[in-house]
């Protein structure tokens, strides 16, 4: 569950929720033993979006223990989720005064300050969070996020570079950096990191299409990226293709539907999300299935899979069975 804001409560808070990589957690000072289970239950309700149940528990705990900083932190979260921003900020302020070691509290405070456009205050809150856990990987991501929102992409780049260096070849890390640049309308940097993310995990191209953080990107380079297949099969990958007389077209889905129908008939599981554009469509199953057109305008279905995912015989049998079934569905 990202940060603590409901997307419907405030558009700026929603943007902030997507910007800061923070999570609900019972962190910081000690929790009275008699309340620990109740607070854990309240947290689960908040994670499920059930604020009413969570707030009932938290009000009960705080009635008996008014200085429980963790309960105040969680109630702050709940109040902000339902749009009670002033009350939420008040609870958060009290929690941090009672226990300045609540790292999550400083992260949440940074989120509130960003939502109000107080970027320096947000940066200062994030520095407090960094002091409490200098090795936390989200330190550099969050600090960079605030700087890029301030219009300081050069300073932000240093933080993002250190964050990415700590994450290895993580597609998610590249995607998070890209999304922060996109929010701040730093289009060139957003596209660069989104491209790297897609090269590692091409599903992030489909993810970006419906991600509100990328809605402001309108350049030709961005549109080209969303419509470019960057996939390179791994060394030794299984690959095979078959042509079909029916072309792939977005206004004529016969070939795409035939592939989907064939997968169902053969009992081949596939992911519900399918990526499609005017030139090609992608289906992710145990094999990668690309539907496009040949130079003569007829359709082609291309299959690939890592070398260790199938034996040679199994690959041949399953790929040919799929092609035969597609032909049958299309009428030979």
C-alpha atoms as a PDB file:
ATOM      1  CA  UNK A   1       0.000   0.000   0.000  1.00  0.00           C
ATOM      2  CA  UNK A   2       1.717   3.197  -1.126  1.00  0.00           C
ATOM      3  CA  UNK A   3       1.997   5.878   1.504  1.00  0.00           C
ATOM      4  CA  UNK A   4      -1.404   6.772   2.898  1.00  0.00           C
ATOM      5  CA  UNK A   5      -3.463   8.895   0.551  1.00  0.00           C
ATOM      6  CA  UNK A   6      -6.708   8.061  -1.215  1.00  0.00           C
ATOM      7  CA  UNK A   7      -6.523   9.081  -4.897  1.00  0.00           C
ATOM      8  CA  UNK A   8     -10.046  10.472  -4.642  1.00  0.00           C
ATOM      9  CA  UNK A   9      -9.364  12.730  -1.676  1.00  0.00           C
ATOM     10  CA  UNK A  10      -7.043  15.224  -3.307  1.00  0.00           C
ATOM     11  CA  UNK A  11      -5.275  15.160  -6.661  1.00  0.00           C
ATOM     12  CA  UNK A  12      -2.096  16.668  -5.236  1.00  0.00           C
ATOM     13  CA  UNK A  13      -2.103  14.132  -2.436  1.00  0.00           C
ATOM     14  CA  UNK A  14      -2.640  11.380  -4.973  1.00  0.00           C
ATOM     15  CA  UNK A  15       0.391  12.560  -6.937  1.00  0.00           C
ATOM     16  CA  UNK A  16       2.360  12.639  -3.709  1.00  0.00           C
ATOM     17  CA  UNK A  17       1.259   9.119  -2.854  1.00  0.00           C
ATOM     18  CA  UNK A  18       2.717   7.913  -6.117  1.00  0.00           C
ATOM     19  CA  UNK A  19       5.859   9.966  -5.640  1.00  0.00           C
ATOM     20  CA  UNK A  20       7.134   8.839  -2.250  1.00  0.00           C
ATOM     21  CA  UNK A  21       8.116   5.186  -1.828  1.00  0.00           C
ATOM     22  CA  UNK A  22       6.885   4.817   1.754  1.00  0.00           C
ATOM     23  CA  UNK A  23       4.834   2.075   3.398  1.00  0.00           C
ATOM     24  CA  UNK A  24       2.679   1.690   6.463  1.00  0.00           C
ATOM     25  CA  UNK A  25       4.671   0.075   9.215  1.00  0.00           C
ATOM     26  CA  UNK A  26       4.667  -0.236  12.980  1.00  0.00           C
ATOM     27  CA  UNK A  27       8.127   1.191  13.370  1.00  0.00           C
ATOM     28  CA  UNK A  28       9.903   3.270  15.969  1.00  0.00           C
ATOM     29  CA  UNK A  29       9.337   3.291  19.722  1.00  0.00           C
ATOM     30  CA  UNK A  30       7.991   0.467  21.866  1.00  0.00           C
ATOM     31  CA  UNK A  31       4.308  -0.430  21.728  1.00  0.00           C
ATOM     32  CA  UNK A  32       2.537  -1.370  24.932  1.00  0.00           C
ATOM     33  CA  UNK A  33       2.142  -5.140  24.866  1.00  0.00           C
ATOM     34  CA  UNK A  34      -1.618  -5.002  25.479  1.00  0.00           C
ATOM     35  CA  UNK A  35      -2.115  -2.827  22.385  1.00  0.00           C
ATOM     36  CA  UNK A  36       0.270  -4.478  19.955  1.00  0.00           C
ATOM     37  CA  UNK A  37      -2.228  -6.960  18.494  1.00  0.00           C
ATOM     38  CA  UNK A  38      -4.903  -4.251  18.208  1.00  0.00           C
ATOM     39  CA  UNK A  39      -2.574  -1.934  16.326  1.00  0.00           C
ATOM     40  CA  UNK A  40      -1.520  -4.731  13.998  1.00  0.00           C
ATOM     41  CA  UNK A  41      -5.189  -5.387  13.256  1.00  0.00           C
ATOM     42  CA  UNK A  42      -5.813  -1.676  12.617  1.00  0.00           C
ATOM     43  CA  UNK A  43      -2.921  -1.602  10.213  1.00  0.00           C
ATOM     44  CA  UNK A  44      -4.335  -4.564   8.284  1.00  0.00           C
ATOM     45  CA  UNK A  45      -7.680  -2.786   8.002  1.00  0.00           C
ATOM     46  CA  UNK A  46      -5.937   0.335   6.666  1.00  0.00           C
ATOM     47  CA  UNK A  47      -4.034  -1.734   4.119  1.00  0.00           C
ATOM     48  CA  UNK A  48      -7.379  -3.154   2.963  1.00  0.00           C
ATOM     49  CA  UNK A  49      -8.912   0.322   2.743  1.00  0.00           C
ATOM     50  CA  UNK A  50     -11.299  -0.422   5.609  1.00  0.00           C
ATOM     51  CA  UNK A  51     -10.794   2.851   7.455  1.00  0.00           C
ATOM     52  CA  UNK A  52     -13.957   2.633   9.571  1.00  0.00           C
ATOM     53  CA  UNK A  53     -12.858  -0.573  11.301  1.00  0.00           C
ATOM     54  CA  UNK A  54      -9.306   0.710  11.685  1.00  0.00           C
ATOM     55  CA  UNK A  55     -10.407   4.039  13.197  1.00  0.00           C
ATOM     56  CA  UNK A  56     -12.649   2.296  15.706  1.00  0.00           C
ATOM     57  CA  UNK A  57      -9.727   0.253  16.986  1.00  0.00           C
ATOM     58  CA  UNK A  58      -7.348   3.216  17.054  1.00  0.00           C
ATOM     59  CA  UNK A  59      -9.797   5.471  18.913  1.00  0.00           C
ATOM     60  CA  UNK A  60     -10.226   2.717  21.505  1.00  0.00           C
ATOM     61  CA  UNK A  61      -6.465   2.303  21.962  1.00  0.00           C
ATOM     62  CA  UNK A  62      -5.905   6.041  22.249  1.00  0.00           C
ATOM     63  CA  UNK A  63      -8.732   6.382  24.758  1.00  0.00           C
ATOM     64  CA  UNK A  64      -6.711   4.188  27.126  1.00  0.00           C
ATOM     65  CA  UNK A  65      -3.245   5.288  26.034  1.00  0.00           C
ATOM     66  CA  UNK A  66      -3.285   8.892  24.826  1.00  0.00           C
ATOM     67  CA  UNK A  67       0.478   8.973  24.283  1.00  0.00           C
ATOM     68  CA  UNK A  68       0.763   5.923  22.066  1.00  0.00           C
ATOM     69  CA  UNK A  69       2.774   7.373  19.174  1.00  0.00           C
ATOM     70  CA  UNK A  70       2.253   4.379  16.886  1.00  0.00           C
ATOM     71  CA  UNK A  71      -1.514   4.568  17.328  1.00  0.00           C
ATOM     72  CA  UNK A  72      -1.424   8.276  16.527  1.00  0.00           C
ATOM     73  CA  UNK A  73       0.644   7.597  13.439  1.00  0.00           C
ATOM     74  CA  UNK A  74      -1.835   5.014  12.193  1.00  0.00           C
ATOM     75  CA  UNK A  75      -4.830   7.215  13.025  1.00  0.00           C
ATOM     76  CA  UNK A  76      -3.165  10.025  11.110  1.00  0.00           C
ATOM     77  CA  UNK A  77      -2.969   7.676   8.150  1.00  0.00           C
ATOM     78  CA  UNK A  78      -6.641   6.762   8.456  1.00  0.00           C
ATOM     79  CA  UNK A  79      -7.776  10.352   8.772  1.00  0.00           C
ATOM     80  CA  UNK A  80      -5.838  11.426   5.713  1.00  0.00           C
ATOM     81  CA  UNK A  81      -7.223   8.489   3.734  1.00  0.00           C
ATOM     82  CA  UNK A  82     -10.751   9.802   4.308  1.00  0.00           C
ATOM     83  CA  UNK A  83      -9.809  13.418   3.558  1.00  0.00           C
ATOM     84  CA  UNK A  84      -9.509  14.722   7.139  1.00  0.00           C
ATOM     85  CA  UNK A  85      -6.206  16.402   6.376  1.00  0.00           C
ATOM     86  CA  UNK A  86      -6.016  18.874   9.267  1.00  0.00           C
ATOM     87  CA  UNK A  87      -6.859  16.211  11.844  1.00  0.00           C
ATOM     88  CA  UNK A  88      -4.439  13.821  10.207  1.00  0.00           C
ATOM     89  CA  UNK A  89      -1.640  16.352  10.325  1.00  0.00           C
ATOM     90  CA  UNK A  90      -2.409  17.052  13.990  1.00  0.00           C
ATOM     91  CA  UNK A  91      -2.140  13.354  14.874  1.00  0.00           C
ATOM     92  CA  UNK A  92       1.076  13.058  12.913  1.00  0.00           C
ATOM     93  CA  UNK A  93       2.584  16.099  14.628  1.00  0.00           C
ATOM     94  CA  UNK A  94       1.710  14.657  18.046  1.00  0.00           C
ATOM     95  CA  UNK A  95       3.156  11.256  17.115  1.00  0.00           C
ATOM     96  CA  UNK A  96       6.494  12.761  16.084  1.00  0.00           C
ATOM     97  CA  UNK A  97       6.718  14.921  19.196  1.00  0.00           C
ATOM     98  CA  UNK A  98       6.098  11.866  21.350  1.00  0.00           C
ATOM     99  CA  UNK A  99       8.539   9.698  19.418  1.00  0.00           C
ATOM    100  CA  UNK A 100      10.901  11.504  17.003  1.00  0.00           C
ATOM    101  CA  UNK A 101      12.361   8.105  16.049  1.00  0.00           C
ATOM    102  CA  UNK A 102       9.243   7.129  14.086  1.00  0.00           C
ATOM    103  CA  UNK A 103      10.849   7.002  10.657  1.00  0.00           C
ATOM    104  CA  UNK A 104       7.531   6.315   8.936  1.00  0.00           C
ATOM    105  CA  UNK A 105       6.153   9.445  10.554  1.00  0.00           C
ATOM    106  CA  UNK A 106       8.824  11.589   8.921  1.00  0.00           C
ATOM    107  CA  UNK A 107       8.121   9.949   5.584  1.00  0.00           C
ATOM    108  CA  UNK A 108       4.417  10.637   5.982  1.00  0.00           C
ATOM    109  CA  UNK A 109       5.150  14.216   6.986  1.00  0.00           C
ATOM    110  CA  UNK A 110       7.246  14.636   3.863  1.00  0.00           C
ATOM    111  CA  UNK A 111       4.283  13.424   1.818  1.00  0.00           C
ATOM    112  CA  UNK A 112       1.996  16.014   3.413  1.00  0.00           C
ATOM    113  CA  UNK A 113       4.501  18.798   2.841  1.00  0.00           C
ATOM    114  CA  UNK A 114       4.881  17.819  -0.816  1.00  0.00           C
ATOM    115  CA  UNK A 115       1.116  17.853  -1.231  1.00  0.00           C
ATOM    116  CA  UNK A 116       1.086  21.437   0.036  1.00  0.00           C
ATOM    117  CA  UNK A 117       4.003  22.442  -2.175  1.00  0.00           C
ATOM    118  CA  UNK A 118       6.367  22.955   0.769  1.00  0.00           C
ATOM    119  CA  UNK A 119       9.296  21.155  -0.789  1.00  0.00           C
ATOM    120  CA  UNK A 120      12.053  22.374   1.523  1.00  0.00           C
ATOM    121  CA  UNK A 121      10.053  21.240   4.557  1.00  0.00           C
ATOM    122  CA  UNK A 122       9.526  17.900   2.848  1.00  0.00           C
ATOM    123  CA  UNK A 123      13.243  17.602   2.120  1.00  0.00           C
ATOM    124  CA  UNK A 124      14.058  18.360   5.771  1.00  0.00           C
ATOM    125  CA  UNK A 125      11.595  15.681   6.932  1.00  0.00           C
ATOM    126  CA  UNK A 126      13.214  13.164   4.603  1.00  0.00           C
ATOM    127  CA  UNK A 127      16.642  14.028   6.011  1.00  0.00           C
ATOM    128  CA  UNK A 128      15.280  13.128   9.449  1.00  0.00           C
ATOM    129  CA  UNK A 129      14.081   9.799   8.054  1.00  0.00           C
ATOM    130  CA  UNK A 130      17.506   9.229   6.525  1.00  0.00           C
ATOM    131  CA  UNK A 131      19.216   9.830   9.877  1.00  0.00           C
ATOM    132  CA  UNK A 132      17.046   7.160  11.481  1.00  0.00           C
ATOM    133  CA  UNK A 133      17.975   4.551   8.859  1.00  0.00           C
ATOM    134  CA  UNK A 134      20.910   5.688   6.686  1.00  0.00           C
ATOM    135  CA  UNK A 135      20.994   2.417   4.753  1.00  0.00           C
ATOM    136  CA  UNK A 136      17.327   2.415   3.701  1.00  0.00           C
ATOM    137  CA  UNK A 137      17.251   2.377  -0.133  1.00  0.00           C
ATOM    138  CA  UNK A 138      14.229   4.669  -0.311  1.00  0.00           C
ATOM    139  CA  UNK A 139      16.263   7.554   1.181  1.00  0.00           C
ATOM    140  CA  UNK A 140      17.912   8.460  -2.103  1.00  0.00           C
ATOM    141  CA  UNK A 141      14.727   7.887  -4.123  1.00  0.00           C
ATOM    142  CA  UNK A 142      12.643  10.147  -1.895  1.00  0.00           C
ATOM    143  CA  UNK A 143      15.222  12.915  -1.660  1.00  0.00           C
ATOM    144  CA  UNK A 144      15.612  12.881  -5.422  1.00  0.00           C
ATOM    145  CA  UNK A 145      11.839  12.973  -5.843  1.00  0.00           C
ATOM    146  CA  UNK A 146      11.523  16.167  -3.819  1.00  0.00           C
ATOM    147  CA  UNK A 147      14.371  17.850  -5.667  1.00  0.00           C
ATOM    148  CA  UNK A 148      12.905  17.041  -9.055  1.00  0.00           C
ATOM    149  CA  UNK A 149       9.561  18.454  -7.878  1.00  0.00           C
ATOM    150  CA  UNK A 150      11.436  21.599  -6.889  1.00  0.00           C
ATOM    151  CA  UNK A 151      12.742  21.919 -10.423  1.00  0.00           C
ATOM    152  CA  UNK A 152      16.270  20.807  -9.549  1.00  0.00           C
ATOM    153  CA  UNK A 153      16.737  17.749 -11.800  1.00  0.00           C
ATOM    154  CA  UNK A 154      20.532  18.036 -11.756  1.00  0.00           C
ATOM    155  CA  UNK A 155      20.662  17.660  -7.962  1.00  0.00           C
ATOM    156  CA  UNK A 156      17.985  14.988  -8.094  1.00  0.00           C
ATOM    157  CA  UNK A 157      20.021  12.947 -10.580  1.00  0.00           C
ATOM    158  CA  UNK A 158      22.747  12.310  -8.003  1.00  0.00           C
ATOM    159  CA  UNK A 159      20.246  10.870  -5.539  1.00  0.00           C
ATOM    160  CA  UNK A 160      18.570   8.775  -8.227  1.00  0.00           C
ATOM    161  CA  UNK A 161      21.917   7.450  -9.459  1.00  0.00           C
ATOM    162  CA  UNK A 162      22.834   6.302  -5.951  1.00  0.00           C
ATOM    163  CA  UNK A 163      19.410   4.724  -5.528  1.00  0.00           C
ATOM    164  CA  UNK A 164      19.698   2.849  -8.814  1.00  0.00           C
ATOM    165  CA  UNK A 165      23.248   1.713  -7.998  1.00  0.00           C
ATOM    166  CA  UNK A 166      21.882   0.107  -4.817  1.00  0.00           C
ATOM    167  CA  UNK A 167      19.137  -1.710  -6.734  1.00  0.00           C
ATOM    168  CA  UNK A 168      21.205  -3.549  -9.342  1.00  0.00           C
ATOM    169  CA  UNK A 169      19.260  -4.402 -12.488  1.00  0.00           C
ATOM    170  CA  UNK A 170      15.846  -3.761 -10.969  1.00  0.00           C
ATOM    171  CA  UNK A 171      13.188  -2.852 -13.532  1.00  0.00           C
ATOM    172  CA  UNK A 172      11.010  -1.529 -10.709  1.00  0.00           C
ATOM    173  CA  UNK A 173      13.739   0.859  -9.542  1.00  0.00           C
ATOM    174  CA  UNK A 174      14.131   2.277 -13.059  1.00  0.00           C
ATOM    175  CA  UNK A 175      10.357   2.590 -13.322  1.00  0.00           C
ATOM    176  CA  UNK A 176      10.098   4.501 -10.034  1.00  0.00           C
ATOM    177  CA  UNK A 177      12.771   6.959 -11.119  1.00  0.00           C
ATOM    178  CA  UNK A 178      11.059   7.372 -14.487  1.00  0.00           C
ATOM    179  CA  UNK A 179       7.722   8.047 -12.803  1.00  0.00           C
ATOM    180  CA  UNK A 180       9.219  10.748 -10.591  1.00  0.00           C
ATOM    181  CA  UNK A 181      10.735  12.500 -13.591  1.00  0.00           C
ATOM    182  CA  UNK A 182       7.395  12.177 -15.389  1.00  0.00           C
ATOM    183  CA  UNK A 183       5.488  13.830 -12.528  1.00  0.00           C
ATOM    184  CA  UNK A 184       7.910  16.752 -12.682  1.00  0.00           C
ATOM    185  CA  UNK A 185       7.570  16.927 -16.506  1.00  0.00           C
ATOM    186  CA  UNK A 186      11.271  16.112 -17.009  1.00  0.00           C
ATOM    187  CA  UNK A 187      10.325  14.217 -20.125  1.00  0.00           C
ATOM    188  CA  UNK A 188      13.750  13.306 -21.507  1.00  0.00           C
ATOM    189  CA  UNK A 189      14.883  11.744 -18.230  1.00  0.00           C
ATOM    190  CA  UNK A 190      11.521  10.026 -17.734  1.00  0.00           C
ATOM    191  CA  UNK A 191      11.741   8.403 -21.162  1.00  0.00           C
ATOM    192  CA  UNK A 192      15.366   7.359 -20.638  1.00  0.00           C
ATOM    193  CA  UNK A 193      14.637   5.506 -17.401  1.00  0.00           C
ATOM    194  CA  UNK A 194      11.347   4.086 -18.621  1.00  0.00           C
ATOM    195  CA  UNK A 195      13.191   2.661 -21.624  1.00  0.00           C
ATOM    196  CA  UNK A 196      15.707   0.981 -19.304  1.00  0.00           C
ATOM    197  CA  UNK A 197      12.868  -0.417 -17.214  1.00  0.00           C
ATOM    198  CA  UNK A 198      11.125  -1.817 -20.283  1.00  0.00           C
ATOM    199  CA  UNK A 199      14.361  -3.382 -21.546  1.00  0.00           C
ATOM    200  CA  UNK A 200      14.513  -5.347 -18.281  1.00  0.00           C
ATOM    201  CA  UNK A 201      10.783  -6.105 -18.040  1.00  0.00           C
ATOM    202  CA  UNK A 202       8.692  -5.236 -21.077  1.00  0.00           C
ATOM    203  CA  UNK A 203       5.462  -5.405 -19.068  1.00  0.00           C
ATOM    204  CA  UNK A 204       6.359  -1.962 -17.735  1.00  0.00           C
ATOM    205  CA  UNK A 205       5.549  -0.527 -21.157  1.00  0.00           C
ATOM    206  CA  UNK A 206       1.952  -1.681 -20.757  1.00  0.00           C
ATOM    207  CA  UNK A 207       1.974  -0.488 -17.152  1.00  0.00           C
ATOM    208  CA  UNK A 208       3.067   3.008 -18.190  1.00  0.00           C
ATOM    209  CA  UNK A 209       0.203   3.306 -20.680  1.00  0.00           C
ATOM    210  CA  UNK A 210      -2.350   3.477 -17.864  1.00  0.00           C
ATOM    211  CA  UNK A 211      -0.186   5.068 -15.152  1.00  0.00           C
ATOM    212  CA  UNK A 212      -1.422   8.557 -14.232  1.00  0.00           C
ATOM    213  CA  UNK A 213       2.122   9.675 -13.563  1.00  0.00           C
ATOM    214  CA  UNK A 214       2.948   9.407 -17.269  1.00  0.00           C
ATOM    215  CA  UNK A 215      -0.184  11.093 -18.639  1.00  0.00           C
ATOM    216  CA  UNK A 216       1.611  14.411 -19.091  1.00  0.00           C
ATOM    217  CA  UNK A 217       4.183  12.961 -21.505  1.00  0.00           C
ATOM    218  CA  UNK A 218       3.194  13.745 -25.080  1.00  0.00           C
ATOM    219  CA  UNK A 219       6.426  13.891 -27.071  1.00  0.00           C
ATOM    220  CA  UNK A 220       6.992  11.887 -30.225  1.00  0.00           C
ATOM    221  CA  UNK A 221       9.851  10.051 -28.475  1.00  0.00           C
ATOM    222  CA  UNK A 222       7.470   8.876 -25.754  1.00  0.00           C
ATOM    223  CA  UNK A 223       4.846   7.734 -28.251  1.00  0.00           C
ATOM    224  CA  UNK A 224       7.515   5.884 -30.225  1.00  0.00           C
ATOM    225  CA  UNK A 225       8.734   4.158 -27.049  1.00  0.00           C
ATOM    226  CA  UNK A 226       5.225   2.945 -26.222  1.00  0.00           C
ATOM    227  CA  UNK A 227       4.881   1.474 -29.706  1.00  0.00           C
ATOM    228  CA  UNK A 228       8.344  -0.097 -29.999  1.00  0.00           C
ATOM    229  CA  UNK A 229       9.054  -3.730 -29.190  1.00  0.00           C
ATOM    230  CA  UNK A 230      12.412  -3.659 -27.391  1.00  0.00           C
ATOM    231  CA  UNK A 231      12.425  -7.353 -26.535  1.00  0.00           C
ATOM    232  CA  UNK A 232      15.587  -9.330 -27.252  1.00  0.00           C
ATOM    233  CA  UNK A 233      15.213 -13.089 -26.722  1.00  0.00           C
ATOM    234  CA  UNK A 234      17.799 -14.527 -24.303  1.00  0.00           C
ATOM    235  CA  UNK A 235      20.697 -16.529 -25.684  1.00  0.00           C
ATOM    236  CA  UNK A 236      19.559 -19.898 -26.991  1.00  0.00           C
ATOM    237  CA  UNK A 237      15.864 -19.052 -26.644  1.00  0.00           C
ATOM    238  CA  UNK A 238      13.242 -21.185 -28.339  1.00  0.00           C
ATOM    239  CA  UNK A 239      11.776 -19.256 -31.282  1.00  0.00           C
ATOM    240  CA  UNK A 240       9.296 -20.131 -34.021  1.00  0.00           C
ATOM    241  CA  UNK A 241       6.751 -18.256 -36.142  1.00  0.00           C
ATOM    242  CA  UNK A 242       3.853 -19.134 -38.429  1.00  0.00           C
ATOM    243  CA  UNK A 243       2.041 -17.060 -41.027  1.00  0.00           C
ATOM    244  CA  UNK A 244      -1.732 -16.705 -41.367  1.00  0.00           C
ATOM    245  CA  UNK A 245      -3.872 -15.330 -44.169  1.00  0.00           C
ATOM    246  CA  UNK A 246      -5.754 -13.075 -41.729  1.00  0.00           C
ATOM    247  CA  UNK A 247      -3.919  -9.823 -40.993  1.00  0.00           C
ATOM    248  CA  UNK A 248      -3.477  -8.282 -37.567  1.00  0.00           C
ATOM    249  CA  UNK A 249      -5.505  -5.077 -37.382  1.00  0.00           C
ATOM    250  CA  UNK A 250      -6.967  -3.180 -34.453  1.00  0.00           C
ATOM    251  CA  UNK A 251     -10.260  -2.778 -36.296  1.00  0.00           C
ATOM    252  CA  UNK A 252     -10.360  -6.510 -37.120  1.00  0.00           C
ATOM    253  CA  UNK A 253      -9.499  -8.674 -34.112  1.00  0.00           C
ATOM    254  CA  UNK A 254      -9.956 -12.069 -35.756  1.00  0.00           C
ATOM    255  CA  UNK A 255      -6.300 -13.086 -35.517  1.00  0.00           C
ATOM    256  CA  UNK A 256      -5.907 -11.893 -31.929  1.00  0.00           C
ATOM    257  CA  UNK A 257      -9.135 -13.583 -30.867  1.00  0.00           C
ATOM    258  CA  UNK A 258      -8.127 -16.777 -32.667  1.00  0.00           C
ATOM    259  CA  UNK A 259      -4.888 -16.908 -30.677  1.00  0.00           C
ATOM    260  CA  UNK A 260      -6.732 -16.341 -27.407  1.00  0.00           C
ATOM    261  CA  UNK A 261      -9.344 -18.955 -28.289  1.00  0.00           C
ATOM    262  CA  UNK A 262      -6.612 -21.434 -29.199  1.00  0.00           C
ATOM    263  CA  UNK A 263      -4.869 -20.912 -25.862  1.00  0.00           C
ATOM    264  CA  UNK A 264      -8.134 -21.575 -24.031  1.00  0.00           C
ATOM    265  CA  UNK A 265      -8.882 -24.727 -26.035  1.00  0.00           C
ATOM    266  CA  UNK A 266      -5.418 -26.089 -25.325  1.00  0.00           C
ATOM    267  CA  UNK A 267      -5.567 -25.213 -21.637  1.00  0.00           C
ATOM    268  CA  UNK A 268      -2.577 -22.881 -21.948  1.00  0.00           C
ATOM    269  CA  UNK A 269      -2.684 -20.283 -19.149  1.00  0.00           C
ATOM    270  CA  UNK A 270      -1.978 -16.685 -20.091  1.00  0.00           C
ATOM    271  CA  UNK A 271      -1.932 -13.306 -18.389  1.00  0.00           C
ATOM    272  CA  UNK A 272      -5.167 -11.328 -18.482  1.00  0.00           C
ATOM    273  CA  UNK A 273      -3.468  -8.095 -19.539  1.00  0.00           C
ATOM    274  CA  UNK A 274      -2.717  -7.984 -23.245  1.00  0.00           C
ATOM    275  CA  UNK A 275      -0.726  -5.201 -24.850  1.00  0.00           C
ATOM    276  CA  UNK A 276      -1.966  -4.049 -28.234  1.00  0.00           C
ATOM    277  CA  UNK A 277      -1.190  -1.171 -30.572  1.00  0.00           C
ATOM    278  CA  UNK A 278      -1.781  -0.620 -34.308  1.00  0.00           C
ATOM    279  CA  UNK A 279       1.291  -2.668 -35.285  1.00  0.00           C
ATOM    280  CA  UNK A 280       1.333  -5.628 -32.907  1.00  0.00           C
ATOM    281  CA  UNK A 281      -0.123  -7.292 -29.846  1.00  0.00           C
ATOM    282  CA  UNK A 282       1.606  -9.226 -27.061  1.00  0.00           C
ATOM    283  CA  UNK A 283       0.254 -12.055 -24.950  1.00  0.00           C
ATOM    284  CA  UNK A 284       2.324 -13.378 -22.050  1.00  0.00           C
ATOM    285  CA  UNK A 285       1.850 -17.054 -21.305  1.00  0.00           C
ATOM    286  CA  UNK A 286       4.439 -19.758 -20.624  1.00  0.00           C
ATOM    287  CA  UNK A 287       5.687 -18.596 -23.987  1.00  0.00           C
ATOM    288  CA  UNK A 288       5.802 -15.026 -25.291  1.00  0.00           C
ATOM    289  CA  UNK A 289       3.284 -14.599 -28.092  1.00  0.00           C
ATOM    290  CA  UNK A 290       3.563 -11.700 -30.520  1.00  0.00           C
ATOM    291  CA  UNK A 291       0.907 -11.085 -33.157  1.00  0.00           C
ATOM    292  CA  UNK A 292       1.844  -8.807 -36.044  1.00  0.00           C
ATOM    293  CA  UNK A 293       2.016  -8.698 -39.845  1.00  0.00           C
ATOM    294  CA  UNK A 294       4.455  -9.860 -42.489  1.00  0.00           C
ATOM    295  CA  UNK A 295       5.746  -7.610 -45.256  1.00  0.00           C
ATOM    296  CA  UNK A 296       2.993  -8.792 -47.602  1.00  0.00           C
ATOM    297  CA  UNK A 297       0.309  -7.728 -45.115  1.00  0.00           C
ATOM    298  CA  UNK A 298      -0.652 -11.194 -43.914  1.00  0.00           C
ATOM    299  CA  UNK A 299      -0.577 -12.048 -40.238  1.00  0.00           C
ATOM    300  CA  UNK A 300       2.181 -13.758 -38.295  1.00  0.00           C
ATOM    301  CA  UNK A 301       2.262 -15.257 -34.809  1.00  0.00           C
ATOM    302  CA  UNK A 302       5.749 -15.407 -33.263  1.00  0.00           C
ATOM    303  CA  UNK A 303       6.525 -17.518 -30.207  1.00  0.00           C
ATOM    304  CA  UNK A 304       9.577 -17.428 -27.965  1.00  0.00           C
ATOM    305  CA  UNK A 305      10.613 -18.750 -24.568  1.00  0.00           C
ATOM    306  CA  UNK A 306      13.824 -19.074 -22.530  1.00  0.00           C
ATOM    307  CA  UNK A 307      15.829 -22.177 -23.392  1.00  0.00           C
ATOM    308  CA  UNK A 308      15.292 -23.833 -20.003  1.00  0.00           C
ATOM    309  CA  UNK A 309      11.522 -23.375 -19.974  1.00  0.00           C
ATOM    310  CA  UNK A 310      10.830 -26.250 -22.390  1.00  0.00           C
ATOM    311  CA  UNK A 311      12.599 -29.312 -23.710  1.00  0.00           C
ATOM    312  CA  UNK A 312      13.042 -29.306 -27.500  1.00  0.00           C
ATOM    313  CA  UNK A 313      10.312 -31.904 -27.926  1.00  0.00           C
ATOM    314  CA  UNK A 314       7.868 -30.134 -25.630  1.00  0.00           C
ATOM    315  CA  UNK A 315       8.511 -26.800 -27.367  1.00  0.00           C
ATOM    316  CA  UNK A 316       7.871 -28.353 -30.763  1.00  0.00           C
ATOM    317  CA  UNK A 317       4.690 -30.136 -29.659  1.00  0.00           C
ATOM    318  CA  UNK A 318       3.124 -27.180 -27.860  1.00  0.00           C
ATOM    319  CA  UNK A 319       4.041 -24.528 -30.413  1.00  0.00           C
ATOM    320  CA  UNK A 320       2.791 -26.632 -33.318  1.00  0.00           C
ATOM    321  CA  UNK A 321      -0.401 -27.496 -31.452  1.00  0.00           C
ATOM    322  CA  UNK A 322      -1.040 -23.797 -30.958  1.00  0.00           C
ATOM    323  CA  UNK A 323      -0.451 -23.005 -34.632  1.00  0.00           C
ATOM    324  CA  UNK A 324      -2.719 -25.861 -35.768  1.00  0.00           C
ATOM    325  CA  UNK A 325      -5.513 -24.738 -33.465  1.00  0.00           C
ATOM    326  CA  UNK A 326      -5.261 -21.131 -34.668  1.00  0.00           C
ATOM    327  CA  UNK A 327      -5.535 -22.356 -38.278  1.00  0.00           C
ATOM    328  CA  UNK A 328      -8.594 -24.430 -37.395  1.00  0.00           C
ATOM    329  CA  UNK A 329     -10.304 -21.496 -35.686  1.00  0.00           C
ATOM    330  CA  UNK A 330      -9.635 -19.241 -38.674  1.00  0.00           C
ATOM    331  CA  UNK A 331     -11.104 -21.833 -41.012  1.00  0.00           C
ATOM    332  CA  UNK A 332      -7.964 -23.426 -42.351  1.00  0.00           C
END
